[in-house]
Amino acid sequence: MTAMARIRDGLAWRVDGARAIARSVWRTAGFDRAQRVPLTFRGEGRVPVILCTWRRLERLPRTLEMLAAQDVPVQAMIWDNSTDPVTVAKAAADACIPVTVHHSRRNIGGFARFYAAREAAEAGYETVVFIDDDMDFGPDTVGNLLRAHRPRSLSGWFAFSQFLVSQETWVPPGEPAVYVGTGGMVTDSAVFTDPRLFACPRRYWFLEDVWLSCFARQIGYDLFASPARFTEVLDGVNQSLSLGWARRRLVRYLERNGPQAKPA
């Protein structure tokens, strides 16, 4: 790669991150972070699997089919950030497992799943699973997440020894991690009942996995890589690979202030 190409890539990296920060501030402006979102979970004895929908509504029926095929009983909780509630409602109605849907009036990104997880905790569910809508997975995947889970822990397949994602920092199953992505994660629901978790600055709400990982470690949770396997479907709208610059900024913020700083 030439010097000019490296400069262009570096600038594009910064521009993508700056745009994501600006969008996050705009989307969450005026949103009451302390609010409760009443939800009715429909599957007693079934583990809540929480996901957000936005631009991949065509994948939602497949995601619900994969959940219905799991070797453990699950229910789905969909936080709908899209502008097409009819399509989401139809997919939920056609599913072979219990599904709860919350149609959000505004798109608050992946941080929304924390509000759903808090309601699961209040409803008496001790464990929650998070998945993304761009994942494929086998019938034993959720079971593998749950079987490897232990109390006061946070684990998932997308686990790293640093907040900066690379092949070198990828953590093998069972090993301690510093950062675990929310897509393909299992954790105790109790962490979402702590109001300090919701103090994340609005400009970083789209990096909710970094914030949660840091917060969970600070309150004594163990983070580690799960043996459960997922496959990310790269369809051109994935954001994770373009957020390195913004992730670095949040890590610096956390190094200076910690995850329990005053909300901003």
C-alpha atoms as a PDB file:
ATOM      1  CA  MET A   1       0.000   0.000   0.000  1.00  0.00           C
ATOM      2  CA  THR A   2       1.351   3.416  -0.956  1.00  0.00           C
ATOM      3  CA  ALA A   3       1.694   6.302   1.479  1.00  0.00           C
ATOM      4  CA  MET A   4      -1.141   8.146  -0.279  1.00  0.00           C
ATOM      5  CA  ALA A   5      -3.415   5.105  -0.007  1.00  0.00           C
ATOM      6  CA  ARG A   6      -2.691   4.833   3.714  1.00  0.00           C
ATOM      7  CA  ILE A   7      -3.558   8.493   4.157  1.00  0.00           C
ATOM      8  CA  ARG A   8      -6.834   8.041   2.258  1.00  0.00           C
ATOM      9  CA  ASP A   9      -7.734   4.978   4.319  1.00  0.00           C
ATOM     10  CA  GLY A  10      -6.911   6.807   7.540  1.00  0.00           C
ATOM     11  CA  LEU A  11      -9.093   9.755   6.583  1.00  0.00           C
ATOM     12  CA  ALA A  12     -11.965   7.480   5.556  1.00  0.00           C
ATOM     13  CA  TRP A  13     -11.658   5.667   8.914  1.00  0.00           C
ATOM     14  CA  ARG A  14     -11.977   8.978  10.779  1.00  0.00           C
ATOM     15  CA  VAL A  15     -14.831  10.236   8.623  1.00  0.00           C
ATOM     16  CA  ASP A  16     -16.839   7.032   9.128  1.00  0.00           C
ATOM     17  CA  GLY A  17     -16.336   7.245  12.890  1.00  0.00           C
ATOM     18  CA  ALA A  18     -17.200  10.947  13.059  1.00  0.00           C
ATOM     19  CA  ARG A  19     -20.392  10.355  11.089  1.00  0.00           C
ATOM     20  CA  ALA A  20     -21.390   7.525  13.403  1.00  0.00           C
ATOM     21  CA  ILE A  21     -20.857   9.762  16.442  1.00  0.00           C
ATOM     22  CA  ALA A  22     -22.913  12.564  14.881  1.00  0.00           C
ATOM     23  CA  ARG A  23     -25.747  10.150  14.022  1.00  0.00           C
ATOM     24  CA  SER A  24     -25.759   8.789  17.563  1.00  0.00           C
ATOM     25  CA  VAL A  25     -26.064  12.263  19.094  1.00  0.00           C
ATOM     26  CA  TRP A  26     -28.867  13.177  16.680  1.00  0.00           C
ATOM     27  CA  ARG A  27     -30.842   9.958  17.198  1.00  0.00           C
ATOM     28  CA  THR A  28     -30.690   9.984  20.983  1.00  0.00           C
ATOM     29  CA  ALA A  29     -31.191  13.717  21.590  1.00  0.00           C
ATOM     30  CA  GLY A  30     -33.926  14.156  24.186  1.00  0.00           C
ATOM     31  CA  PHE A  31     -34.298  10.416  24.794  1.00  0.00           C
ATOM     32  CA  ASP A  32     -34.972   9.779  28.489  1.00  0.00           C
ATOM     33  CA  ARG A  33     -32.313   7.233  29.328  1.00  0.00           C
ATOM     34  CA  ALA A  34     -33.951   6.456  32.695  1.00  0.00           C
ATOM     35  CA  GLN A  35     -37.267   5.441  31.166  1.00  0.00           C
ATOM     36  CA  ARG A  36     -38.762   1.975  31.483  1.00  0.00           C
ATOM     37  CA  VAL A  37     -40.157   0.161  28.458  1.00  0.00           C
ATOM     38  CA  PRO A  38     -42.906  -2.216  29.644  1.00  0.00           C
ATOM     39  CA  LEU A  39     -42.656  -5.560  27.851  1.00  0.00           C
ATOM     40  CA  THR A  40     -44.640  -8.768  28.202  1.00  0.00           C
ATOM     41  CA  PHE A  41     -42.503 -11.861  27.760  1.00  0.00           C
ATOM     42  CA  ARG A  42     -44.520 -14.732  26.322  1.00  0.00           C
ATOM     43  CA  GLY A  43     -42.432 -17.823  26.941  1.00  0.00           C
ATOM     44  CA  GLU A  44     -42.346 -18.923  30.564  1.00  0.00           C
ATOM     45  CA  GLY A  45     -39.337 -21.165  31.150  1.00  0.00           C
ATOM     46  CA  ARG A  46     -37.757 -20.121  27.848  1.00  0.00           C
ATOM     47  CA  VAL A  47     -34.524 -18.135  27.718  1.00  0.00           C
ATOM     48  CA  PRO A  48     -35.027 -14.639  26.244  1.00  0.00           C
ATOM     49  CA  VAL A  49     -32.992 -14.084  23.080  1.00  0.00           C
ATOM     50  CA  ILE A  50     -32.895 -10.359  22.373  1.00  0.00           C
ATOM     51  CA  LEU A  51     -32.167  -8.757  19.016  1.00  0.00           C
ATOM     52  CA  CYS A  52     -32.617  -5.402  17.321  1.00  0.00           C
ATOM     53  CA  THR A  53     -33.911  -5.004  13.785  1.00  0.00           C
ATOM     54  CA  TRP A  54     -33.303  -2.130  11.410  1.00  0.00           C
ATOM     55  CA  ARG A  55     -32.251  -2.620   7.782  1.00  0.00           C
ATOM     56  CA  ARG A  56     -32.250  -6.420   7.444  1.00  0.00           C
ATOM     57  CA  LEU A  57     -35.951  -7.185   7.774  1.00  0.00           C
ATOM     58  CA  GLU A  58     -35.715  -9.733   4.945  1.00  0.00           C
ATOM     59  CA  ARG A  59     -33.499 -11.856   7.248  1.00  0.00           C
ATOM     60  CA  LEU A  60     -35.853 -11.779  10.219  1.00  0.00           C
ATOM     61  CA  PRO A  61     -37.910 -14.887   9.262  1.00  0.00           C
ATOM     62  CA  ARG A  62     -34.695 -16.884   8.840  1.00  0.00           C
ATOM     63  CA  THR A  63     -33.366 -15.680  12.204  1.00  0.00           C
ATOM     64  CA  LEU A  64     -36.589 -16.755  13.916  1.00  0.00           C
ATOM     65  CA  GLU A  65     -36.441 -20.132  12.140  1.00  0.00           C
ATOM     66  CA  MET A  66     -32.901 -20.695  13.448  1.00  0.00           C
ATOM     67  CA  LEU A  67     -34.051 -19.793  16.968  1.00  0.00           C
ATOM     68  CA  ALA A  68     -36.997 -22.206  16.706  1.00  0.00           C
ATOM     69  CA  ALA A  69     -34.544 -25.009  15.813  1.00  0.00           C
ATOM     70  CA  GLN A  70     -32.414 -24.595  18.966  1.00  0.00           C
ATOM     71  CA  ASP A  71     -31.848 -27.580  21.256  1.00  0.00           C
ATOM     72  CA  VAL A  72     -32.940 -25.506  24.279  1.00  0.00           C
ATOM     73  CA  PRO A  73     -36.290 -23.706  24.690  1.00  0.00           C
ATOM     74  CA  VAL A  74     -36.008 -20.035  23.738  1.00  0.00           C
ATOM     75  CA  GLN A  75     -38.226 -17.041  23.142  1.00  0.00           C
ATOM     76  CA  ALA A  76     -37.404 -14.012  21.017  1.00  0.00           C
ATOM     77  CA  MET A  77     -37.591 -10.392  22.066  1.00  0.00           C
ATOM     78  CA  ILE A  78     -37.338  -8.047  19.072  1.00  0.00           C
ATOM     79  CA  TRP A  79     -36.630  -4.360  19.529  1.00  0.00           C
ATOM     80  CA  ASP A  80     -37.735  -2.928  16.197  1.00  0.00           C
ATOM     81  CA  ASN A  81     -35.743   0.152  15.188  1.00  0.00           C
ATOM     82  CA  SER A  82     -37.087   0.015  11.633  1.00  0.00           C
ATOM     83  CA  THR A  83     -39.777   2.068   9.944  1.00  0.00           C
ATOM     84  CA  ASP A  84     -41.692  -1.021   8.814  1.00  0.00           C
ATOM     85  CA  PRO A  85     -43.513  -2.459  11.836  1.00  0.00           C
ATOM     86  CA  VAL A  86     -45.926  -4.403   9.609  1.00  0.00           C
ATOM     87  CA  THR A  87     -43.143  -6.591   8.198  1.00  0.00           C
ATOM     88  CA  VAL A  88     -41.698  -7.196  11.659  1.00  0.00           C
ATOM     89  CA  ALA A  89     -45.104  -8.028  13.128  1.00  0.00           C
ATOM     90  CA  LYS A  90     -45.802 -10.540  10.344  1.00  0.00           C
ATOM     91  CA  ALA A  91     -42.485 -12.311  10.892  1.00  0.00           C
ATOM     92  CA  ALA A  92     -43.231 -12.501  14.615  1.00  0.00           C
ATOM     93  CA  ALA A  93     -46.742 -13.833  14.018  1.00  0.00           C
ATOM     94  CA  ASP A  94     -45.445 -16.530  11.661  1.00  0.00           C
ATOM     95  CA  ALA A  95     -42.706 -17.711  14.042  1.00  0.00           C
ATOM     96  CA  CYS A  96     -42.802 -21.118  15.719  1.00  0.00           C
ATOM     97  CA  ILE A  97     -41.592 -19.755  19.063  1.00  0.00           C
ATOM     98  CA  PRO A  98     -43.019 -17.085  21.392  1.00  0.00           C
ATOM     99  CA  VAL A  99     -42.014 -13.606  20.173  1.00  0.00           C
ATOM    100  CA  THR A 100     -42.358 -10.240  21.869  1.00  0.00           C
ATOM    101  CA  VAL A 101     -41.962  -7.131  19.701  1.00  0.00           C
ATOM    102  CA  HIS A 102     -41.391  -3.546  20.754  1.00  0.00           C
ATOM    103  CA  HIS A 103     -41.815  -1.095  17.877  1.00  0.00           C
ATOM    104  CA  SER A 104     -39.629   1.867  18.821  1.00  0.00           C
ATOM    105  CA  ARG A 105     -40.706   5.323  17.703  1.00  0.00           C
ATOM    106  CA  ARG A 106     -37.064   6.208  17.166  1.00  0.00           C
ATOM    107  CA  ASN A 107     -33.954   4.297  16.227  1.00  0.00           C
ATOM    108  CA  ILE A 108     -31.675   4.282  19.279  1.00  0.00           C
ATOM    109  CA  GLY A 109     -29.376   1.601  17.899  1.00  0.00           C
ATOM    110  CA  GLY A 110     -28.009  -1.452  19.659  1.00  0.00           C
ATOM    111  CA  PHE A 111     -28.171   0.173  23.089  1.00  0.00           C
ATOM    112  CA  ALA A 112     -31.904  -0.552  22.921  1.00  0.00           C
ATOM    113  CA  ARG A 113     -31.270  -4.199  23.755  1.00  0.00           C
ATOM    114  CA  PHE A 114     -30.149  -3.125  27.234  1.00  0.00           C
ATOM    115  CA  TYR A 115     -33.624  -1.699  27.907  1.00  0.00           C
ATOM    116  CA  ALA A 116     -35.181  -4.988  26.823  1.00  0.00           C
ATOM    117  CA  ALA A 117     -32.729  -6.947  28.997  1.00  0.00           C
ATOM    118  CA  ARG A 118     -33.618  -4.799  31.998  1.00  0.00           C
ATOM    119  CA  GLU A 119     -37.281  -5.706  31.529  1.00  0.00           C
ATOM    120  CA  ALA A 120     -36.321  -9.385  31.276  1.00  0.00           C
ATOM    121  CA  ALA A 121     -34.491  -9.074  34.590  1.00  0.00           C
ATOM    122  CA  GLU A 122     -37.502  -7.402  36.197  1.00  0.00           C
ATOM    123  CA  ALA A 123     -39.683 -10.236  34.863  1.00  0.00           C
ATOM    124  CA  GLY A 124     -37.523 -12.776  36.709  1.00  0.00           C
ATOM    125  CA  TYR A 125     -35.267 -14.072  33.928  1.00  0.00           C
ATOM    126  CA  GLU A 126     -31.762 -14.475  35.336  1.00  0.00           C
ATOM    127  CA  THR A 127     -29.973 -14.930  31.997  1.00  0.00           C
ATOM    128  CA  VAL A 128     -30.336 -13.238  28.626  1.00  0.00           C
ATOM    129  CA  VAL A 129     -28.836 -13.940  25.221  1.00  0.00           C
ATOM    130  CA  PHE A 130     -28.093 -11.295  22.593  1.00  0.00           C
ATOM    131  CA  ILE A 131     -27.796 -11.951  18.879  1.00  0.00           C
ATOM    132  CA  ASP A 132     -27.512  -9.712  15.832  1.00  0.00           C
ATOM    133  CA  ASP A 133     -29.707  -9.832  12.739  1.00  0.00           C
ATOM    134  CA  ASP A 134     -26.717 -10.541  10.471  1.00  0.00           C
ATOM    135  CA  MET A 135     -25.794 -13.911  11.981  1.00  0.00           C
ATOM    136  CA  ASP A 136     -26.225 -17.525  10.966  1.00  0.00           C
ATOM    137  CA  PHE A 137     -25.966 -20.214  13.630  1.00  0.00           C
ATOM    138  CA  GLY A 138     -26.628 -23.892  14.201  1.00  0.00           C
ATOM    139  CA  PRO A 139     -29.225 -25.634  16.411  1.00  0.00           C
ATOM    140  CA  ASP A 140     -26.808 -26.085  19.328  1.00  0.00           C
ATOM    141  CA  THR A 141     -25.524 -22.495  19.397  1.00  0.00           C
ATOM    142  CA  VAL A 142     -27.731 -20.964  22.098  1.00  0.00           C
ATOM    143  CA  GLY A 143     -27.361 -24.138  24.144  1.00  0.00           C
ATOM    144  CA  ASN A 144     -23.574 -23.892  23.895  1.00  0.00           C
ATOM    145  CA  LEU A 145     -23.722 -20.286  25.066  1.00  0.00           C
ATOM    146  CA  LEU A 146     -25.823 -21.281  28.073  1.00  0.00           C
ATOM    147  CA  ARG A 147     -23.828 -24.407  28.947  1.00  0.00           C
ATOM    148  CA  ALA A 148     -20.575 -22.432  29.103  1.00  0.00           C
ATOM    149  CA  HIS A 149     -22.144 -19.564  31.053  1.00  0.00           C
ATOM    150  CA  ARG A 150     -21.349 -19.084  34.722  1.00  0.00           C
ATOM    151  CA  PRO A 151     -22.748 -16.655  37.327  1.00  0.00           C
ATOM    152  CA  ARG A 152     -21.591 -13.021  37.183  1.00  0.00           C
ATOM    153  CA  SER A 153     -20.054 -13.420  33.786  1.00  0.00           C
ATOM    154  CA  LEU A 154     -20.357 -12.141  30.250  1.00  0.00           C
ATOM    155  CA  SER A 155     -19.271 -14.377  27.393  1.00  0.00           C
ATOM    156  CA  GLY A 156     -19.622 -14.615  23.652  1.00  0.00           C
ATOM    157  CA  TRP A 157     -18.026 -15.752  20.425  1.00  0.00           C
ATOM    158  CA  PHE A 158     -16.756 -12.268  19.412  1.00  0.00           C
ATOM    159  CA  ALA A 159     -14.193 -11.972  22.231  1.00  0.00           C
ATOM    160  CA  PHE A 160     -10.840 -10.175  22.294  1.00  0.00           C
ATOM    161  CA  SER A 161      -7.953  -9.524  24.653  1.00  0.00           C
ATOM    162  CA  GLN A 162      -8.074  -5.803  23.792  1.00  0.00           C
ATOM    163  CA  PHE A 163     -10.719  -3.319  22.706  1.00  0.00           C
ATOM    164  CA  LEU A 164      -8.961  -3.025  19.362  1.00  0.00           C
ATOM    165  CA  VAL A 165     -10.208  -5.875  17.212  1.00  0.00           C
ATOM    166  CA  SER A 166      -7.708  -7.909  15.199  1.00  0.00           C
ATOM    167  CA  GLN A 167      -6.779 -11.503  14.439  1.00  0.00           C
ATOM    168  CA  GLU A 168      -3.947 -11.191  16.963  1.00  0.00           C
ATOM    169  CA  THR A 169      -6.278 -10.153  19.815  1.00  0.00           C
ATOM    170  CA  TRP A 170      -8.974 -12.804  19.129  1.00  0.00           C
ATOM    171  CA  VAL A 171      -9.480 -14.980  22.236  1.00  0.00           C
ATOM    172  CA  PRO A 172      -9.949 -18.773  21.948  1.00  0.00           C
ATOM    173  CA  PRO A 173     -12.911 -20.435  23.722  1.00  0.00           C
ATOM    174  CA  GLY A 174     -12.693 -20.489  27.499  1.00  0.00           C
ATOM    175  CA  GLU A 175      -9.966 -17.860  27.735  1.00  0.00           C
ATOM    176  CA  PRO A 176     -10.406 -14.512  29.571  1.00  0.00           C
ATOM    177  CA  ALA A 177     -11.377 -11.507  27.479  1.00  0.00           C
ATOM    178  CA  VAL A 178     -11.380  -7.735  27.859  1.00  0.00           C
ATOM    179  CA  TYR A 179     -13.982  -7.037  25.196  1.00  0.00           C
ATOM    180  CA  VAL A 180     -16.970  -9.180  24.156  1.00  0.00           C
ATOM    181  CA  GLY A 181     -19.305  -8.099  21.345  1.00  0.00           C
ATOM    182  CA  THR A 182     -23.022  -8.079  22.076  1.00  0.00           C
ATOM    183  CA  GLY A 183     -23.849 -10.171  18.994  1.00  0.00           C
ATOM    184  CA  GLY A 184     -23.696 -13.787  20.180  1.00  0.00           C
ATOM    185  CA  MET A 185     -23.413 -13.043  23.902  1.00  0.00           C
ATOM    186  CA  VAL A 186     -24.884 -14.448  27.112  1.00  0.00           C
ATOM    187  CA  THR A 187     -24.838 -12.695  30.473  1.00  0.00           C
ATOM    188  CA  ASP A 188     -26.613 -12.360  33.794  1.00  0.00           C
ATOM    189  CA  SER A 189     -29.575 -10.036  33.432  1.00  0.00           C
ATOM    190  CA  ALA A 190     -28.807  -8.373  36.772  1.00  0.00           C
ATOM    191  CA  VAL A 191     -26.171  -6.122  35.199  1.00  0.00           C
ATOM    192  CA  PHE A 192     -28.963  -4.310  33.338  1.00  0.00           C
ATOM    193  CA  THR A 193     -30.747  -3.365  36.552  1.00  0.00           C
ATOM    194  CA  ASP A 194     -27.851  -1.083  37.536  1.00  0.00           C
ATOM    195  CA  PRO A 195     -28.781   2.474  36.461  1.00  0.00           C
ATOM    196  CA  ARG A 196     -25.107   3.391  36.061  1.00  0.00           C
ATOM    197  CA  LEU A 197     -24.966   1.230  32.937  1.00  0.00           C
ATOM    198  CA  PHE A 198     -27.293   3.693  31.218  1.00  0.00           C
ATOM    199  CA  ALA A 199     -24.949   6.641  31.831  1.00  0.00           C
ATOM    200  CA  CYS A 200     -23.117   6.014  28.554  1.00  0.00           C
ATOM    201  CA  PRO A 201     -22.556   9.314  26.697  1.00  0.00           C
ATOM    202  CA  ARG A 202     -25.067   9.597  23.883  1.00  0.00           C
ATOM    203  CA  ARG A 203     -22.330   9.996  21.280  1.00  0.00           C
ATOM    204  CA  TYR A 204     -21.139   6.456  22.030  1.00  0.00           C
ATOM    205  CA  TRP A 205     -24.447   4.573  22.207  1.00  0.00           C
ATOM    206  CA  PHE A 206     -23.604   2.727  18.979  1.00  0.00           C
ATOM    207  CA  LEU A 207     -20.578   1.233  20.785  1.00  0.00           C
ATOM    208  CA  GLU A 208     -22.705  -0.348  23.481  1.00  0.00           C
ATOM    209  CA  ASP A 209     -20.605  -3.525  23.514  1.00  0.00           C
ATOM    210  CA  VAL A 210     -17.445  -1.630  24.503  1.00  0.00           C
ATOM    211  CA  TRP A 211     -19.340   0.222  27.222  1.00  0.00           C
ATOM    212  CA  LEU A 212     -20.957  -2.957  28.585  1.00  0.00           C
ATOM    213  CA  SER A 213     -17.673  -4.872  28.592  1.00  0.00           C
ATOM    214  CA  CYS A 214     -15.913  -2.139  30.550  1.00  0.00           C
ATOM    215  CA  PHE A 215     -18.813  -1.651  32.972  1.00  0.00           C
ATOM    216  CA  ALA A 216     -19.206  -5.385  33.632  1.00  0.00           C
ATOM    217  CA  ARG A 217     -15.500  -5.785  34.387  1.00  0.00           C
ATOM    218  CA  GLN A 218     -15.585  -2.820  36.758  1.00  0.00           C
ATOM    219  CA  ILE A 219     -18.389  -4.359  38.845  1.00  0.00           C
ATOM    220  CA  GLY A 220     -16.610  -7.707  39.061  1.00  0.00           C
ATOM    221  CA  TYR A 221     -17.970  -9.761  36.173  1.00  0.00           C
ATOM    222  CA  ASP A 222     -15.743 -12.282  34.409  1.00  0.00           C
ATOM    223  CA  LEU A 223     -15.469 -11.899  30.633  1.00  0.00           C
ATOM    224  CA  PHE A 224     -14.430 -14.840  28.487  1.00  0.00           C
ATOM    225  CA  ALA A 225     -14.772 -16.365  25.030  1.00  0.00           C
ATOM    226  CA  SER A 226     -17.633 -18.803  24.524  1.00  0.00           C
ATOM    227  CA  PRO A 227     -17.318 -22.054  22.537  1.00  0.00           C
ATOM    228  CA  ALA A 228     -20.577 -21.173  20.744  1.00  0.00           C
ATOM    229  CA  ARG A 229     -20.067 -20.413  17.054  1.00  0.00           C
ATOM    230  CA  PHE A 230     -21.785 -17.869  14.830  1.00  0.00           C
ATOM    231  CA  THR A 231     -21.187 -16.796  11.240  1.00  0.00           C
ATOM    232  CA  GLU A 232     -21.483 -13.115  10.388  1.00  0.00           C
ATOM    233  CA  VAL A 233     -23.235 -12.486   7.083  1.00  0.00           C
ATOM    234  CA  LEU A 234     -21.309  -9.726   5.307  1.00  0.00           C
ATOM    235  CA  ASP A 235     -23.944  -7.933   3.269  1.00  0.00           C
ATOM    236  CA  GLY A 236     -22.488  -4.466   2.850  1.00  0.00           C
ATOM    237  CA  VAL A 237     -24.335  -2.826   5.755  1.00  0.00           C
ATOM    238  CA  ASN A 238     -22.205  -4.221   8.584  1.00  0.00           C
ATOM    239  CA  GLN A 239     -20.839  -1.462  10.785  1.00  0.00           C
ATOM    240  CA  SER A 240     -18.400  -3.308  13.032  1.00  0.00           C
ATOM    241  CA  LEU A 241     -15.449  -3.145  10.642  1.00  0.00           C
ATOM    242  CA  SER A 242     -15.683   0.639  10.115  1.00  0.00           C
ATOM    243  CA  LEU A 243     -15.859   1.794  13.724  1.00  0.00           C
ATOM    244  CA  GLY A 244     -12.237   1.405  14.773  1.00  0.00           C
ATOM    245  CA  TRP A 245     -11.578   5.145  15.085  1.00  0.00           C
ATOM    246  CA  ALA A 246     -14.701   5.749  17.182  1.00  0.00           C
ATOM    247  CA  ARG A 247     -13.900   2.698  19.323  1.00  0.00           C
ATOM    248  CA  ARG A 248     -10.460   4.160  20.047  1.00  0.00           C
ATOM    249  CA  ARG A 249     -12.055   7.437  21.145  1.00  0.00           C
ATOM    250  CA  LEU A 250     -14.403   5.656  23.531  1.00  0.00           C
ATOM    251  CA  VAL A 251     -11.562   3.598  24.983  1.00  0.00           C
ATOM    252  CA  ARG A 252      -9.614   6.815  25.667  1.00  0.00           C
ATOM    253  CA  TYR A 253     -12.719   8.303  27.280  1.00  0.00           C
ATOM    254  CA  LEU A 254     -13.057   5.248  29.526  1.00  0.00           C
ATOM    255  CA  GLU A 255      -9.382   5.364  30.454  1.00  0.00           C
ATOM    256  CA  ARG A 256      -9.842   8.967  31.610  1.00  0.00           C
ATOM    257  CA  ASN A 257     -13.290   8.760  33.185  1.00  0.00           C
ATOM    258  CA  GLY A 258     -14.302   5.142  33.734  1.00  0.00           C
ATOM    259  CA  PRO A 259     -17.719   3.746  32.768  1.00  0.00           C
ATOM    260  CA  GLN A 260     -19.520   5.419  35.669  1.00  0.00           C
ATOM    261  CA  ALA A 261     -18.858   8.995  34.651  1.00  0.00           C
ATOM    262  CA  LYS A 262     -21.599  11.623  34.650  1.00  0.00           C
ATOM    263  CA  PRO A 263     -23.997  11.120  31.712  1.00  0.00           C
ATOM    264  CA  ALA A 264     -23.411  13.324  28.672  1.00  0.00           C
END
